[in-house]
Amino acid sequence: QVQLVESGGGLVQAGGSLTLSCAASGRPFSNYVMGWFRQAAGKEREFVARISRSGGITNYADSVKGRFTVSRDSAKNTVFLQMNSLKPEDTAVYYCAAGPIPSIHVSGYDYWGQGTQVTVSS
């Protein structure tokens, strides 16, 4: 089992920045690909970013490419999502997830955090 706890969400004005953190515990952190997803009200959960086990490979949804950066700190068992130039359409609950293989699909991840709300005001 892997336990994931997100933090860092909040209310920010358009154009602002936030950094989300996801602390992992349980099985070795380095065993897992880590992903970030988000779910806006009334919409399906969607892929945002993922990072490989080593941290050397990252992938992003087109909607956040160039604005968001995913990283991981194996010493702290933590994955981060730096979000810059935020837009109102980025408003959602953000979830981190851990899985065995790189995937952009919800079904590709076995463990999920409880989510953290990000609200971007115009």
PDB file of N, CA and C in Angstrom:
ATOM      1  N   GLN A   1       0.825  -1.188   0.000  1.00  0.00           N
ATOM      2  CA  GLN A   1       0.000   0.000   0.000  1.00  0.00           C
ATOM      3  C   GLN A   1       0.873   1.257   0.000  1.00  0.00           C
ATOM      4  N   VAL A   2       0.370   2.276  -0.657  1.00  0.00           N
ATOM      5  CA  VAL A   2       1.019   3.580  -0.672  1.00  0.00           C
ATOM      6  C   VAL A   2      -0.009   4.602  -0.228  1.00  0.00           C
ATOM      7  N   GLN A   3       0.373   5.445   0.697  1.00  0.00           N
ATOM      8  CA  GLN A   3      -0.508   6.520   1.141  1.00  0.00           C
ATOM      9  C   GLN A   3       0.022   7.831   0.553  1.00  0.00           C
ATOM     10  N   LEU A   4      -0.893   8.615   0.006  1.00  0.00           N
ATOM     11  CA  LEU A   4      -0.537   9.879  -0.632  1.00  0.00           C
ATOM     12  C   LEU A   4      -1.342  11.009  -0.007  1.00  0.00           C
ATOM     13  N   VAL A   5      -0.662  12.093   0.336  1.00  0.00           N
ATOM     14  CA  VAL A   5      -1.330  13.236   0.952  1.00  0.00           C
ATOM     15  C   VAL A   5      -0.898  14.503   0.214  1.00  0.00           C
ATOM     16  N   GLU A   6      -1.869  15.151  -0.433  1.00  0.00           N
ATOM     17  CA  GLU A   6      -1.597  16.394  -1.153  1.00  0.00           C
ATOM     18  C   GLU A   6      -1.740  17.591  -0.230  1.00  0.00           C
ATOM     19  N   SER A   7      -1.039  18.659  -0.570  1.00  0.00           N
ATOM     20  CA  SER A   7      -1.168  19.932   0.139  1.00  0.00           C
ATOM     21  C   SER A   7      -0.758  21.051  -0.812  1.00  0.00           C
ATOM     22  N   GLY A   8      -1.081  22.274  -0.410  1.00  0.00           N
ATOM     23  CA  GLY A   8      -0.637  23.427  -1.180  1.00  0.00           C
ATOM     24  C   GLY A   8      -1.704  24.101  -2.020  1.00  0.00           C
ATOM     25  N   GLY A   9      -2.900  23.545  -2.046  1.00  0.00           N
ATOM     26  CA  GLY A   9      -3.962  24.176  -2.805  1.00  0.00           C
ATOM     27  C   GLY A   9      -4.422  25.469  -2.152  1.00  0.00           C
ATOM     28  N   GLY A  10      -5.272  26.195  -2.868  1.00  0.00           N
ATOM     29  CA  GLY A  10      -5.793  27.433  -2.317  1.00  0.00           C
ATOM     30  C   GLY A  10      -6.419  28.305  -3.384  1.00  0.00           C
ATOM     31  N   LEU A  11      -6.647  29.555  -3.019  1.00  0.00           N
ATOM     32  CA  LEU A  11      -7.250  30.540  -3.911  1.00  0.00           C
ATOM     33  C   LEU A  11      -6.154  31.479  -4.415  1.00  0.00           C
ATOM     34  N   VAL A  12      -6.115  31.682  -5.719  1.00  0.00           N
ATOM     35  CA  VAL A  12      -5.107  32.549  -6.309  1.00  0.00           C
ATOM     36  C   VAL A  12      -5.724  33.310  -7.461  1.00  0.00           C
ATOM     37  N   GLN A  13      -5.210  34.492  -7.724  1.00  0.00           N
ATOM     38  CA  GLN A  13      -5.703  35.284  -8.848  1.00  0.00           C
ATOM     39  C   GLN A  13      -5.104  34.771 -10.151  1.00  0.00           C
ATOM     40  N   ALA A  14      -5.808  35.010 -11.226  1.00  0.00           N
ATOM     41  CA  ALA A  14      -5.307  34.632 -12.548  1.00  0.00           C
ATOM     42  C   ALA A  14      -3.929  35.255 -12.766  1.00  0.00           C
ATOM     43  N   GLY A  15      -3.033  34.464 -13.327  1.00  0.00           N
ATOM     44  CA  GLY A  15      -1.659  34.899 -13.528  1.00  0.00           C
ATOM     45  C   GLY A  15      -0.732  34.554 -12.394  1.00  0.00           C
ATOM     46  N   GLY A  16      -1.305  34.120 -11.282  1.00  0.00           N
ATOM     47  CA  GLY A  16      -0.503  33.785 -10.117  1.00  0.00           C
ATOM     48  C   GLY A  16       0.067  32.382 -10.179  1.00  0.00           C
ATOM     49  N   SER A  17       0.709  31.980  -9.075  1.00  0.00           N
ATOM     50  CA  SER A  17       1.385  30.692  -9.001  1.00  0.00           C
ATOM     51  C   SER A  17       1.031  29.962  -7.717  1.00  0.00           C
ATOM     52  N   LEU A  18       1.085  28.645  -7.783  1.00  0.00           N
ATOM     53  CA  LEU A  18       0.940  27.777  -6.629  1.00  0.00           C
ATOM     54  C   LEU A  18       1.848  26.576  -6.823  1.00  0.00           C
ATOM     55  N   THR A  19       2.301  26.014  -5.705  1.00  0.00           N
ATOM     56  CA  THR A  19       3.035  24.756  -5.762  1.00  0.00           C
ATOM     57  C   THR A  19       2.317  23.727  -4.906  1.00  0.00           C
ATOM     58  N   LEU A  20       1.912  22.642  -5.546  1.00  0.00           N
ATOM     59  CA  LEU A  20       1.292  21.534  -4.846  1.00  0.00           C
ATOM     60  C   LEU A  20       2.354  20.518  -4.454  1.00  0.00           C
ATOM     61  N   SER A  21       2.158  19.895  -3.303  1.00  0.00           N
ATOM     62  CA  SER A  21       3.043  18.834  -2.837  1.00  0.00           C
ATOM     63  C   SER A  21       2.220  17.577  -2.602  1.00  0.00           C
ATOM     64  N   CYS A  22       2.881  16.447  -2.763  1.00  0.00           N
ATOM     65  CA  CYS A  22       2.241  15.165  -2.497  1.00  0.00           C
ATOM     66  C   CYS A  22       3.258  14.302  -1.766  1.00  0.00           C
ATOM     67  N   ALA A  23       2.991  14.038  -0.495  1.00  0.00           N
ATOM     68  CA  ALA A  23       3.893  13.239   0.324  1.00  0.00           C
ATOM     69  C   ALA A  23       3.452  11.784   0.300  1.00  0.00           C
ATOM     70  N   ALA A  24       4.394  10.895   0.023  1.00  0.00           N
ATOM     71  CA  ALA A  24       4.103   9.469  -0.076  1.00  0.00           C
ATOM     72  C   ALA A  24       4.683   8.715   1.107  1.00  0.00           C
ATOM     73  N   SER A  25       3.974   7.688   1.527  1.00  0.00           N
ATOM     74  CA  SER A  25       4.468   6.801   2.574  1.00  0.00           C
ATOM     75  C   SER A  25       4.011   5.388   2.265  1.00  0.00           C
ATOM     76  N   GLY A  26       4.663   4.431   2.878  1.00  0.00           N
ATOM     77  CA  GLY A  26       4.324   3.042   2.610  1.00  0.00           C
ATOM     78  C   GLY A  26       5.417   2.379   1.810  1.00  0.00           C
ATOM     79  N   ARG A  27       5.082   1.817   0.695  1.00  0.00           N
ATOM     80  CA  ARG A  27       6.068   1.138  -0.146  1.00  0.00           C
ATOM     81  C   ARG A  27       7.069   2.129  -0.723  1.00  0.00           C
ATOM     82  N   PRO A  28       8.250   1.646  -1.139  1.00  0.00           N
ATOM     83  CA  PRO A  28       9.288   2.549  -1.639  1.00  0.00           C
ATOM     84  C   PRO A  28       8.803   3.486  -2.732  1.00  0.00           C
ATOM     85  N   PHE A  29       9.005   4.755  -2.516  1.00  0.00           N
ATOM     86  CA  PHE A  29       8.557   5.816  -3.421  1.00  0.00           C
ATOM     87  C   PHE A  29       9.127   5.628  -4.811  1.00  0.00           C
ATOM     88  N   SER A  30      10.371   5.185  -4.877  1.00  0.00           N
ATOM     89  CA  SER A  30      11.055   5.067  -6.163  1.00  0.00           C
ATOM     90  C   SER A  30      10.496   3.954  -7.044  1.00  0.00           C
ATOM     91  N   ASN A  31       9.613   3.123  -6.508  1.00  0.00           N
ATOM     92  CA  ASN A  31       8.999   2.053  -7.304  1.00  0.00           C
ATOM     93  C   ASN A  31       7.931   2.553  -8.257  1.00  0.00           C
ATOM     94  N   TYR A  32       7.488   3.797  -8.077  1.00  0.00           N
ATOM     95  CA  TYR A  32       6.277   4.240  -8.748  1.00  0.00           C
ATOM     96  C   TYR A  32       6.483   5.437  -9.664  1.00  0.00           C
ATOM     97  N   VAL A  33       5.800   5.363 -10.791  1.00  0.00           N
ATOM     98  CA  VAL A  33       5.566   6.556 -11.598  1.00  0.00           C
ATOM     99  C   VAL A  33       4.541   7.391 -10.844  1.00  0.00           C
ATOM    100  N   MET A  34       4.745   8.691 -10.840  1.00  0.00           N
ATOM    101  CA  MET A  34       3.817   9.580 -10.140  1.00  0.00           C
ATOM    102  C   MET A  34       3.101  10.463 -11.150  1.00  0.00           C
ATOM    103  N   GLY A  35       1.816  10.632 -10.926  1.00  0.00           N
ATOM    104  CA  GLY A  35       1.016  11.453 -11.822  1.00  0.00           C
ATOM    105  C   GLY A  35       0.218  12.487 -11.060  1.00  0.00           C
ATOM    106  N   TRP A  36      -0.127  13.544 -11.765  1.00  0.00           N
ATOM    107  CA  TRP A  36      -1.057  14.562 -11.258  1.00  0.00           C
ATOM    108  C   TRP A  36      -2.267  14.585 -12.195  1.00  0.00           C
ATOM    109  N   PHE A  37      -3.440  14.604 -11.594  1.00  0.00           N
ATOM    110  CA  PHE A  37      -4.696  14.702 -12.320  1.00  0.00           C
ATOM    111  C   PHE A  37      -5.517  15.824 -11.691  1.00  0.00           C
ATOM    112  N   ARG A  38      -6.547  16.251 -12.389  1.00  0.00           N
ATOM    113  CA  ARG A  38      -7.446  17.243 -11.823  1.00  0.00           C
ATOM    114  C   ARG A  38      -8.869  16.947 -12.260  1.00  0.00           C
ATOM    115  N   GLN A  39      -9.799  17.411 -11.438  1.00  0.00           N
ATOM    116  CA  GLN A  39     -11.211  17.209 -11.735  1.00  0.00           C
ATOM    117  C   GLN A  39     -11.966  18.478 -11.407  1.00  0.00           C
ATOM    118  N   ALA A  40     -12.485  19.114 -12.434  1.00  0.00           N
ATOM    119  CA  ALA A  40     -13.312  20.295 -12.253  1.00  0.00           C
ATOM    120  C   ALA A  40     -14.745  19.864 -11.971  1.00  0.00           C
ATOM    121  N   ALA A  41     -15.499  20.752 -11.375  1.00  0.00           N
ATOM    122  CA  ALA A  41     -16.881  20.436 -11.019  1.00  0.00           C
ATOM    123  C   ALA A  41     -17.674  20.016 -12.255  1.00  0.00           C
ATOM    124  N   GLY A  42     -18.314  18.879 -12.174  1.00  0.00           N
ATOM    125  CA  GLY A  42     -19.146  18.396 -13.254  1.00  0.00           C
ATOM    126  C   GLY A  42     -18.399  17.774 -14.418  1.00  0.00           C
ATOM    127  N   LYS A  43     -17.091  17.625 -14.282  1.00  0.00           N
ATOM    128  CA  LYS A  43     -16.284  17.071 -15.371  1.00  0.00           C
ATOM    129  C   LYS A  43     -15.546  15.818 -14.906  1.00  0.00           C
ATOM    130  N   GLU A  44     -15.041  15.071 -15.874  1.00  0.00           N
ATOM    131  CA  GLU A  44     -14.277  13.876 -15.557  1.00  0.00           C
ATOM    132  C   GLU A  44     -12.866  14.251 -15.115  1.00  0.00           C
ATOM    133  N   ARG A  45     -12.267  13.349 -14.357  1.00  0.00           N
ATOM    134  CA  ARG A  45     -10.884  13.543 -13.934  1.00  0.00           C
ATOM    135  C   ARG A  45      -9.975  13.462 -15.161  1.00  0.00           C
ATOM    136  N   GLU A  46      -9.034  14.401 -15.253  1.00  0.00           N
ATOM    137  CA  GLU A  46      -8.173  14.447 -16.427  1.00  0.00           C
ATOM    138  C   GLU A  46      -6.699  14.511 -16.043  1.00  0.00           C
ATOM    139  N   PHE A  47      -5.879  13.973 -16.927  1.00  0.00           N
ATOM    140  CA  PHE A  47      -4.437  13.949 -16.748  1.00  0.00           C
ATOM    141  C   PHE A  47      -3.867  15.363 -16.820  1.00  0.00           C
ATOM    142  N   VAL A  48      -2.902  15.632 -15.937  1.00  0.00           N
ATOM    143  CA  VAL A  48      -2.205  16.914 -15.946  1.00  0.00           C
ATOM    144  C   VAL A  48      -0.721  16.716 -16.266  1.00  0.00           C
ATOM    145  N   ALA A  49      -0.058  15.825 -15.486  1.00  0.00           N
ATOM    146  CA  ALA A  49       1.384  15.632 -15.659  1.00  0.00           C
ATOM    147  C   ALA A  49       1.779  14.304 -15.043  1.00  0.00           C
ATOM    148  N   ARG A  50       2.926  13.794 -15.482  1.00  0.00           N
ATOM    149  CA  ARG A  50       3.467  12.585 -14.866  1.00  0.00           C
ATOM    150  C   ARG A  50       4.986  12.686 -14.861  1.00  0.00           C
ATOM    151  N   ILE A  51       5.611  11.907 -13.983  1.00  0.00           N
ATOM    152  CA  ILE A  51       7.063  11.900 -13.870  1.00  0.00           C
ATOM    153  C   ILE A  51       7.522  10.472 -13.632  1.00  0.00           C
ATOM    154  N   SER A  52       8.608  10.118 -14.294  1.00  0.00           N
ATOM    155  CA  SER A  52       9.114   8.754 -14.209  1.00  0.00           C
ATOM    156  C   SER A  52       9.697   8.463 -12.831  1.00  0.00           C
ATOM    157  N   ARG A  53      10.035   7.197 -12.613  1.00  0.00           N
ATOM    158  CA  ARG A  53      10.584   6.785 -11.322  1.00  0.00           C
ATOM    159  C   ARG A  53      11.864   7.544 -10.970  1.00  0.00           C
ATOM    160  N   SER A  54      12.681   7.759 -11.946  1.00  0.00           N
ATOM    161  CA  SER A  54      13.948   8.453 -11.708  1.00  0.00           C
ATOM    162  C   SER A  54      13.807   9.964 -11.698  1.00  0.00           C
ATOM    163  N   GLY A  55      12.686  10.449 -12.231  1.00  0.00           N
ATOM    164  CA  GLY A  55      12.497  11.888 -12.369  1.00  0.00           C
ATOM    165  C   GLY A  55      13.048  12.443 -13.660  1.00  0.00           C
ATOM    166  N   GLY A  56      13.609  11.572 -14.491  1.00  0.00           N
ATOM    167  CA  GLY A  56      14.246  12.057 -15.698  1.00  0.00           C
ATOM    168  C   GLY A  56      13.320  12.301 -16.867  1.00  0.00           C
ATOM    169  N   ILE A  57      12.111  11.762 -16.792  1.00  0.00           N
ATOM    170  CA  ILE A  57      11.158  11.914 -17.892  1.00  0.00           C
ATOM    171  C   ILE A  57       9.861  12.486 -17.339  1.00  0.00           C
ATOM    172  N   THR A  58       9.408  13.542 -17.984  1.00  0.00           N
ATOM    173  CA  THR A  58       8.146  14.159 -17.593  1.00  0.00           C
ATOM    174  C   THR A  58       7.265  14.335 -18.829  1.00  0.00           C
ATOM    175  N   ASN A  59       5.966  14.325 -18.603  1.00  0.00           N
ATOM    176  CA  ASN A  59       4.997  14.552 -19.678  1.00  0.00           C
ATOM    177  C   ASN A  59       3.868  15.422 -19.144  1.00  0.00           C
ATOM    178  N   TYR A  60       3.296  16.221 -20.038  1.00  0.00           N
ATOM    179  CA  TYR A  60       2.274  17.169 -19.626  1.00  0.00           C
ATOM    180  C   TYR A  60       1.098  17.148 -20.594  1.00  0.00           C
ATOM    181  N   ALA A  61      -0.061  17.469 -20.059  1.00  0.00           N
ATOM    182  CA  ALA A  61      -1.210  17.725 -20.915  1.00  0.00           C
ATOM    183  C   ALA A  61      -0.944  19.006 -21.699  1.00  0.00           C
ATOM    184  N   ASP A  62      -1.473  19.072 -22.906  1.00  0.00           N
ATOM    185  CA  ASP A  62      -1.257  20.253 -23.742  1.00  0.00           C
ATOM    186  C   ASP A  62      -1.747  21.523 -23.055  1.00  0.00           C
ATOM    187  N   SER A  63      -2.791  21.403 -22.263  1.00  0.00           N
ATOM    188  CA  SER A  63      -3.404  22.573 -21.633  1.00  0.00           C
ATOM    189  C   SER A  63      -2.515  23.221 -20.583  1.00  0.00           C
ATOM    190  N   VAL A  64      -1.515  22.475 -20.080  1.00  0.00           N
ATOM    191  CA  VAL A  64      -0.647  23.029 -19.031  1.00  0.00           C
ATOM    192  C   VAL A  64       0.804  23.115 -19.448  1.00  0.00           C
ATOM    193  N   LYS A  65       1.136  22.607 -20.611  1.00  0.00           N
ATOM    194  CA  LYS A  65       2.512  22.587 -21.070  1.00  0.00           C
ATOM    195  C   LYS A  65       3.077  24.006 -21.126  1.00  0.00           C
ATOM    196  N   GLY A  66       4.273  24.168 -20.568  1.00  0.00           N
ATOM    197  CA  GLY A  66       4.905  25.478 -20.532  1.00  0.00           C
ATOM    198  C   GLY A  66       4.540  26.308 -19.310  1.00  0.00           C
ATOM    199  N   ARG A  67       3.511  25.884 -18.580  1.00  0.00           N
ATOM    200  CA  ARG A  67       3.092  26.621 -17.380  1.00  0.00           C
ATOM    201  C   ARG A  67       3.305  25.810 -16.102  1.00  0.00           C
ATOM    202  N   PHE A  68       3.153  24.501 -16.182  1.00  0.00           N
ATOM    203  CA  PHE A  68       3.274  23.620 -15.022  1.00  0.00           C
ATOM    204  C   PHE A  68       4.575  22.818 -15.115  1.00  0.00           C
ATOM    205  N   THR A  69       5.146  22.517 -13.952  1.00  0.00           N
ATOM    206  CA  THR A  69       6.346  21.688 -13.895  1.00  0.00           C
ATOM    207  C   THR A  69       6.196  20.658 -12.789  1.00  0.00           C
ATOM    208  N   VAL A  70       6.393  19.402 -13.138  1.00  0.00           N
ATOM    209  CA  VAL A  70       6.332  18.320 -12.162  1.00  0.00           C
ATOM    210  C   VAL A  70       7.758  17.905 -11.803  1.00  0.00           C
ATOM    211  N   SER A  71       7.971  17.627 -10.521  1.00  0.00           N
ATOM    212  CA  SER A  71       9.279  17.180 -10.059  1.00  0.00           C
ATOM    213  C   SER A  71       9.088  16.253  -8.867  1.00  0.00           C
ATOM    214  N   ARG A  72      10.154  15.543  -8.504  1.00  0.00           N
ATOM    215  CA  ARG A  72      10.072  14.650  -7.349  1.00  0.00           C
ATOM    216  C   ARG A  72      11.374  14.704  -6.579  1.00  0.00           C
ATOM    217  N   ASP A  73      11.238  14.537  -5.275  1.00  0.00           N
ATOM    218  CA  ASP A  73      12.376  14.510  -4.362  1.00  0.00           C
ATOM    219  C   ASP A  73      12.347  13.164  -3.651  1.00  0.00           C
ATOM    220  N   SER A  74      13.206  12.253  -4.086  1.00  0.00           N
ATOM    221  CA  SER A  74      13.172  10.905  -3.533  1.00  0.00           C
ATOM    222  C   SER A  74      13.589  10.872  -2.074  1.00  0.00           C
ATOM    223  N   ALA A  75      14.447  11.785  -1.671  1.00  0.00           N
ATOM    224  CA  ALA A  75      14.879  11.826  -0.273  1.00  0.00           C
ATOM    225  C   ALA A  75      13.730  12.183   0.652  1.00  0.00           C
ATOM    226  N   LYS A  76      12.791  12.971   0.125  1.00  0.00           N
ATOM    227  CA  LYS A  76      11.644  13.397   0.929  1.00  0.00           C
ATOM    228  C   LYS A  76      10.375  12.635   0.581  1.00  0.00           C
ATOM    229  N   ASN A  77      10.475  11.677  -0.367  1.00  0.00           N
ATOM    230  CA  ASN A  77       9.296  10.917  -0.803  1.00  0.00           C
ATOM    231  C   ASN A  77       8.144  11.845  -1.179  1.00  0.00           C
ATOM    232  N   THR A  78       8.468  12.859  -1.942  1.00  0.00           N
ATOM    233  CA  THR A  78       7.486  13.887  -2.272  1.00  0.00           C
ATOM    234  C   THR A  78       7.548  14.222  -3.758  1.00  0.00           C
ATOM    235  N   VAL A  79       6.391  14.432  -4.341  1.00  0.00           N
ATOM    236  CA  VAL A  79       6.297  14.909  -5.716  1.00  0.00           C
ATOM    237  C   VAL A  79       5.630  16.281  -5.687  1.00  0.00           C
ATOM    238  N   PHE A  80       6.059  17.149  -6.589  1.00  0.00           N
ATOM    239  CA  PHE A  80       5.595  18.527  -6.610  1.00  0.00           C
ATOM    240  C   PHE A  80       4.962  18.860  -7.960  1.00  0.00           C
ATOM    241  N   LEU A  81       4.074  19.830  -7.928  1.00  0.00           N
ATOM    242  CA  LEU A  81       3.533  20.388  -9.163  1.00  0.00           C
ATOM    243  C   LEU A  81       3.597  21.908  -9.026  1.00  0.00           C
ATOM    244  N   GLN A  82       4.555  22.507  -9.711  1.00  0.00           N
ATOM    245  CA  GLN A  82       4.683  23.958  -9.742  1.00  0.00           C
ATOM    246  C   GLN A  82       3.767  24.480 -10.839  1.00  0.00           C
ATOM    247  N   MET A  83       2.846  25.365 -10.464  1.00  0.00           N
ATOM    248  CA  MET A  83       1.863  25.884 -11.420  1.00  0.00           C
ATOM    249  C   MET A  83       2.026  27.391 -11.550  1.00  0.00           C
ATOM    250  N   ASN A  84       2.359  27.839 -12.733  1.00  0.00           N
ATOM    251  CA  ASN A  84       2.550  29.261 -13.011  1.00  0.00           C
ATOM    252  C   ASN A  84       1.522  29.738 -14.027  1.00  0.00           C
ATOM    253  N   SER A  85       1.378  31.042 -14.112  1.00  0.00           N
ATOM    254  CA  SER A  85       0.451  31.655 -15.084  1.00  0.00           C
ATOM    255  C   SER A  85      -0.920  30.991 -15.015  1.00  0.00           C
ATOM    256  N   LEU A  86      -1.425  30.845 -13.826  1.00  0.00           N
ATOM    257  CA  LEU A  86      -2.694  30.138 -13.636  1.00  0.00           C
ATOM    258  C   LEU A  86      -3.856  30.871 -14.283  1.00  0.00           C
ATOM    259  N   LYS A  87      -4.800  30.082 -14.775  1.00  0.00           N
ATOM    260  CA  LYS A  87      -5.983  30.596 -15.462  1.00  0.00           C
ATOM    261  C   LYS A  87      -7.230  30.109 -14.721  1.00  0.00           C
ATOM    262  N   PRO A  88      -8.337  30.813 -14.869  1.00  0.00           N
ATOM    263  CA  PRO A  88      -9.577  30.351 -14.220  1.00  0.00           C
ATOM    264  C   PRO A  88      -9.939  28.915 -14.607  1.00  0.00           C
ATOM    265  N   GLU A  89      -9.619  28.519 -15.810  1.00  0.00           N
ATOM    266  CA  GLU A  89      -9.945  27.154 -16.245  1.00  0.00           C
ATOM    267  C   GLU A  89      -9.059  26.093 -15.599  1.00  0.00           C
ATOM    268  N   ASP A  90      -8.058  26.502 -14.827  1.00  0.00           N
ATOM    269  CA  ASP A  90      -7.270  25.555 -14.048  1.00  0.00           C
ATOM    270  C   ASP A  90      -7.955  25.200 -12.730  1.00  0.00           C
ATOM    271  N   THR A  91      -9.048  25.869 -12.416  1.00  0.00           N
ATOM    272  CA  THR A  91      -9.775  25.590 -11.177  1.00  0.00           C
ATOM    273  C   THR A  91     -10.256  24.153 -11.163  1.00  0.00           C
ATOM    274  N   ALA A  92      -9.903  23.425 -10.113  1.00  0.00           N
ATOM    275  CA  ALA A  92     -10.253  22.006 -10.000  1.00  0.00           C
ATOM    276  C   ALA A  92      -9.721  21.466  -8.682  1.00  0.00           C
ATOM    277  N   VAL A  93     -10.128  20.257  -8.368  1.00  0.00           N
ATOM    278  CA  VAL A  93      -9.473  19.488  -7.313  1.00  0.00           C
ATOM    279  C   VAL A  93      -8.320  18.736  -7.971  1.00  0.00           C
ATOM    280  N   TYR A  94      -7.149  18.874  -7.401  1.00  0.00           N
ATOM    281  CA  TYR A  94      -5.948  18.252  -7.950  1.00  0.00           C
ATOM    282  C   TYR A  94      -5.583  17.028  -7.114  1.00  0.00           C
ATOM    283  N   TYR A  95      -5.307  15.931  -7.820  1.00  0.00           N
ATOM    284  CA  TYR A  95      -4.975  14.661  -7.175  1.00  0.00           C
ATOM    285  C   TYR A  95      -3.598  14.191  -7.625  1.00  0.00           C
ATOM    286  N   CYS A  96      -2.836  13.642  -6.695  1.00  0.00           N
ATOM    287  CA  CYS A  96      -1.636  12.923  -7.108  1.00  0.00           C
ATOM    288  C   CYS A  96      -1.943  11.426  -7.064  1.00  0.00           C
ATOM    289  N   ALA A  97      -1.175  10.683  -7.846  1.00  0.00           N
ATOM    290  CA  ALA A  97      -1.415   9.257  -7.973  1.00  0.00           C
ATOM    291  C   ALA A  97      -0.098   8.533  -8.197  1.00  0.00           C
ATOM    292  N   ALA A  98      -0.064   7.281  -7.791  1.00  0.00           N
ATOM    293  CA  ALA A  98       1.121   6.441  -7.962  1.00  0.00           C
ATOM    294  C   ALA A  98       0.742   5.190  -8.735  1.00  0.00           C
ATOM    295  N   GLY A  99       1.585   4.812  -9.689  1.00  0.00           N
ATOM    296  CA  GLY A  99       1.288   3.639 -10.489  1.00  0.00           C
ATOM    297  C   GLY A  99       2.543   2.943 -10.968  1.00  0.00           C
ATOM    298  N   PRO A 100       2.370   1.735 -11.544  1.00  0.00           N
ATOM    299  CA  PRO A 100       3.522   0.920 -11.937  1.00  0.00           C
ATOM    300  C   PRO A 100       4.136   1.292 -13.287  1.00  0.00           C
ATOM    301  N   ILE A 101       3.357   1.920 -14.156  1.00  0.00           N
ATOM    302  CA  ILE A 101       3.856   2.218 -15.494  1.00  0.00           C
ATOM    303  C   ILE A 101       3.441   3.636 -15.885  1.00  0.00           C
ATOM    304  N   PRO A 102       4.152   4.243 -16.814  1.00  0.00           N
ATOM    305  CA  PRO A 102       3.741   5.582 -17.262  1.00  0.00           C
ATOM    306  C   PRO A 102       2.383   5.527 -17.943  1.00  0.00           C
ATOM    307  N   SER A 103       1.499   6.410 -17.545  1.00  0.00           N
ATOM    308  CA  SER A 103       0.168   6.423 -18.127  1.00  0.00           C
ATOM    309  C   SER A 103      -0.438   7.810 -18.014  1.00  0.00           C
ATOM    310  N   ILE A 104      -1.309   8.143 -18.964  1.00  0.00           N
ATOM    311  CA  ILE A 104      -2.066   9.387 -18.865  1.00  0.00           C
ATOM    312  C   ILE A 104      -3.515   9.088 -18.473  1.00  0.00           C
ATOM    313  N   HIS A 105      -3.782   7.828 -18.157  1.00  0.00           N
ATOM    314  CA  HIS A 105      -5.146   7.411 -17.839  1.00  0.00           C
ATOM    315  C   HIS A 105      -5.333   7.167 -16.359  1.00  0.00           C
ATOM    316  N   VAL A 106      -6.504   7.495 -15.860  1.00  0.00           N
ATOM    317  CA  VAL A 106      -6.835   7.260 -14.453  1.00  0.00           C
ATOM    318  C   VAL A 106      -6.629   5.796 -14.104  1.00  0.00           C
ATOM    319  N   SER A 107      -6.987   4.923 -15.013  1.00  0.00           N
ATOM    320  CA  SER A 107      -6.911   3.480 -14.753  1.00  0.00           C
ATOM    321  C   SER A 107      -5.483   2.977 -14.629  1.00  0.00           C
ATOM    322  N   GLY A 108      -4.518   3.790 -15.012  1.00  0.00           N
ATOM    323  CA  GLY A 108      -3.124   3.366 -14.948  1.00  0.00           C
ATOM    324  C   GLY A 108      -2.487   3.551 -13.580  1.00  0.00           C
ATOM    325  N   TYR A 109      -3.221   4.092 -12.642  1.00  0.00           N
ATOM    326  CA  TYR A 109      -2.677   4.401 -11.322  1.00  0.00           C
ATOM    327  C   TYR A 109      -3.431   3.631 -10.244  1.00  0.00           C
ATOM    328  N   ASP A 110      -2.678   3.104  -9.297  1.00  0.00           N
ATOM    329  CA  ASP A 110      -3.250   2.243  -8.264  1.00  0.00           C
ATOM    330  C   ASP A 110      -3.585   2.985  -6.978  1.00  0.00           C
ATOM    331  N   TYR A 111      -2.865   4.046  -6.706  1.00  0.00           N
ATOM    332  CA  TYR A 111      -3.033   4.737  -5.429  1.00  0.00           C
ATOM    333  C   TYR A 111      -3.287   6.223  -5.671  1.00  0.00           C
ATOM    334  N   TRP A 112      -4.169   6.773  -4.857  1.00  0.00           N
ATOM    335  CA  TRP A 112      -4.596   8.159  -5.044  1.00  0.00           C
ATOM    336  C   TRP A 112      -4.615   8.892  -3.713  1.00  0.00           C
ATOM    337  N   GLY A 113      -4.311  10.187  -3.774  1.00  0.00           N
ATOM    338  CA  GLY A 113      -4.488  11.043  -2.617  1.00  0.00           C
ATOM    339  C   GLY A 113      -5.930  11.514  -2.523  1.00  0.00           C
ATOM    340  N   GLN A 114      -6.190  12.310  -1.509  1.00  0.00           N
ATOM    341  CA  GLN A 114      -7.555  12.770  -1.250  1.00  0.00           C
ATOM    342  C   GLN A 114      -7.914  14.020  -2.057  1.00  0.00           C
ATOM    343  N   GLY A 115      -6.897  14.644  -2.642  1.00  0.00           N
ATOM    344  CA  GLY A 115      -7.135  15.819  -3.465  1.00  0.00           C
ATOM    345  C   GLY A 115      -6.972  17.125  -2.704  1.00  0.00           C
ATOM    346  N   THR A 116      -6.623  18.170  -3.441  1.00  0.00           N
ATOM    347  CA  THR A 116      -6.518  19.506  -2.871  1.00  0.00           C
ATOM    348  C   THR A 116      -7.135  20.501  -3.856  1.00  0.00           C
ATOM    349  N   GLN A 117      -7.943  21.417  -3.322  1.00  0.00           N
ATOM    350  CA  GLN A 117      -8.681  22.347  -4.170  1.00  0.00           C
ATOM    351  C   GLN A 117      -7.788  23.505  -4.621  1.00  0.00           C
ATOM    352  N   VAL A 118      -7.827  23.778  -5.908  1.00  0.00           N
ATOM    353  CA  VAL A 118      -7.180  24.955  -6.473  1.00  0.00           C
ATOM    354  C   VAL A 118      -8.260  25.798  -7.138  1.00  0.00           C
ATOM    355  N   THR A 119      -8.368  27.040  -6.726  1.00  0.00           N
ATOM    356  CA  THR A 119      -9.354  27.955  -7.296  1.00  0.00           C
ATOM    357  C   THR A 119      -8.628  29.180  -7.828  1.00  0.00           C
ATOM    358  N   VAL A 120      -8.850  29.469  -9.102  1.00  0.00           N
ATOM    359  CA  VAL A 120      -8.212  30.608  -9.745  1.00  0.00           C
ATOM    360  C   VAL A 120      -9.287  31.625 -10.095  1.00  0.00           C
ATOM    361  N   SER A 121      -9.182  32.801  -9.516  1.00  0.00           N
ATOM    362  CA  SER A 121     -10.178  33.847  -9.746  1.00  0.00           C
ATOM    363  C   SER A 121      -9.743  34.749 -10.898  1.00  0.00           C
ATOM    364  N   SER A 122     -10.739  35.246 -11.618  1.00  0.00           N
ATOM    365  CA  SER A 122     -10.439  36.096 -12.787  1.00  0.00           C
ATOM    366  C   SER A 122     -10.339  37.554 -12.389  1.00  0.00           C
TER     367      SER A 122
END
